[in-house]
Amino acid sequence: MAFLGAAHAQVAIRLLEALFSWAHGGASPNAGQKVKLRLTAHFGPVSVIDGVDGRSELVGEGINVCGGLLRFG
């Protein structure tokens, strides 16, 4: 999921906070039900390119490093 533009930064942060809270059992309606959820986020410059399968892909040094960290999580 991508929120492009600085105007959407707070929306993205609130979504991450809500997902974190939900996964740790702190949000209704699933309060107390802990689930494994891996969240990763990137804030910074990216470029949008057409991927091999025709879908848009975000690329850039920072986002590539962020996505690469998933392998070590």
Protein backbone atom coordinates (compact mmCIF):
# COMPACT_ATOMS: atom_id res chain seq x y z
CA MET A 1 0.00 0.00 0.00
CA ALA A 2 1.42 3.36 -0.91
CA PHE A 3 0.47 6.81 0.27
CA LEU A 4 2.16 9.17 -2.15
CA GLY A 5 2.72 12.76 -1.12
CA ALA A 6 3.42 14.47 2.19
CA ALA A 7 -0.27 15.27 2.65
CA HIS A 8 -0.97 11.59 3.30
CA ALA A 9 1.80 10.98 5.85
CA GLN A 10 -0.45 11.32 8.90
CA VAL A 11 -3.06 8.98 7.39
CA ALA A 12 -0.37 6.36 6.80
CA ILE A 13 0.95 6.72 10.36
CA ARG A 14 -2.54 6.35 11.83
CA LEU A 15 -3.12 3.23 9.74
CA LEU A 16 0.16 1.68 10.95
CA GLU A 17 -0.74 2.50 14.56
CA ALA A 18 -4.21 0.97 14.17
CA LEU A 19 -2.85 -2.20 12.57
CA PHE A 20 -0.20 -2.55 15.29
CA SER A 21 -2.80 -2.08 18.00
CA TRP A 22 -5.18 -4.58 16.38
CA ALA A 23 -2.44 -7.20 15.99
CA HIS A 24 -1.51 -6.88 19.65
CA GLY A 25 -5.10 -7.28 20.83
CA GLY A 26 -5.76 -3.66 21.68
CA ALA A 27 -8.50 -2.76 19.21
CA SER A 28 -12.13 -3.81 18.95
CA PRO A 29 -13.79 -6.02 17.83
CA ASN A 30 -10.92 -8.49 18.27
CA ALA A 31 -9.59 -7.19 21.58
CA GLY A 32 -7.37 -9.76 23.24
CA GLN A 33 -6.75 -11.76 20.07
CA LYS A 34 -3.08 -11.53 19.21
CA VAL A 35 -2.01 -12.25 15.65
CA LYS A 36 1.38 -12.26 13.97
CA LEU A 37 1.63 -9.25 11.72
CA ARG A 38 4.78 -7.85 10.15
CA LEU A 39 4.69 -4.16 9.31
CA THR A 40 7.34 -2.30 7.38
CA ALA A 41 7.22 1.32 6.33
CA HIS A 42 9.26 3.72 4.26
CA PHE A 43 9.16 7.49 4.17
CA GLY A 44 11.12 9.18 1.43
CA PRO A 45 11.57 9.55 -2.29
CA VAL A 46 10.43 6.78 -4.63
CA SER A 47 9.85 6.42 -8.34
CA VAL A 48 6.94 4.62 -9.96
CA ILE A 49 7.74 2.32 -12.87
CA ASP A 50 5.79 -0.24 -14.90
CA GLY A 51 6.71 -3.72 -13.69
CA VAL A 52 7.20 -6.75 -15.89
CA ASP A 53 3.64 -7.88 -15.22
CA GLY A 54 2.22 -4.45 -16.13
CA ARG A 55 1.56 -3.36 -12.54
CA SER A 56 3.08 -0.21 -11.10
CA GLU A 57 6.09 -0.73 -8.83
CA LEU A 58 7.75 1.64 -6.40
CA VAL A 59 11.52 1.75 -6.63
CA GLY A 60 14.27 3.75 -5.00
CA GLU A 61 17.26 3.23 -2.76
CA GLY A 62 15.41 3.64 0.54
CA ILE A 63 12.36 1.57 -0.33
CA ASN A 64 14.51 -1.24 -1.74
CA VAL A 65 16.47 -1.39 1.53
CA CYS A 66 13.22 -1.34 3.51
CA GLY A 67 11.74 -4.18 1.48
CA GLY A 68 14.99 -6.13 1.72
CA LEU A 69 14.78 -6.03 5.52
CA LEU A 70 11.72 -8.29 5.35
CA ARG A 71 14.04 -11.21 4.55
CA PHE A 72 15.79 -10.74 7.89
CA GLY A 73 12.68 -10.18 10.04
